[in-house]
Amino acid sequence: MKIVPSGFQAPRQHGRTEEVILFAVAGHMFAIAASAIEEIRSTDGFSSATAEITLKEIPKVRQRLRRGRKWYYLVDACTHFDLPVSRPTLILVLRHSCVAVLVDGIDRMETISRLMVVPRSFSGSERVWYRGLALINDNVVPVLNPDGFLTQNEIAQLGALDDRAGASAENDVLPLPGEAQGALR
């Protein structure tokens, strides 16, 4: 969404800058700190590394993904942001988290120097989703909070579901292509 007049000059960079990854979900652009991403993987070939989850209270998570010995809850970004259904092609595996996010594609990396406060008109759950807004090439782009995809309560509910499923689920998933069995990432 372009909202800046053509004669407007962006403010000069002062002090700290941050690298962000711009990605698309259902035709909408979002940004997330590059430091929040552990890895970016294609959805091709991941069916052997996933296990189905059914919890109607958390419809945005339908699968969990195994990377080495660690499980990640796979969040459908379209459902999370209440956007039209799209066909995700990439998985963003978040660092220091048990969350991975399905997205449509990566646009590019960008450096930002300013993060604007989320306006008060954002009054619902989006206040947790977004760290702020950034002006990138005359476009306002929401910068995501990596902890905003799943609440601690949702993680606890999913963990309880895993506990009820039993230990057999730990052994029913094969390693990813190119990954040694039991190897840590």
Foldseek 3Di string as FASTA:
>chain_A
DFDDDPPDDDDDFDPDKFKWWWFAAQRAIAIEGPLFFPDKDWPPQQPLQKDADDDVVQVQFGIWGDAQQAIATEGEVCVQVVHDDDDFTMWGHTPPHRHIYTGNTTDGMDMFRDFAADDVVPPPLVNQQFPGWTQDPSDIHTYGDPCSRDDPVRVVVVVVRVVVVPPVVSVRGDHTVPDDHNDDD
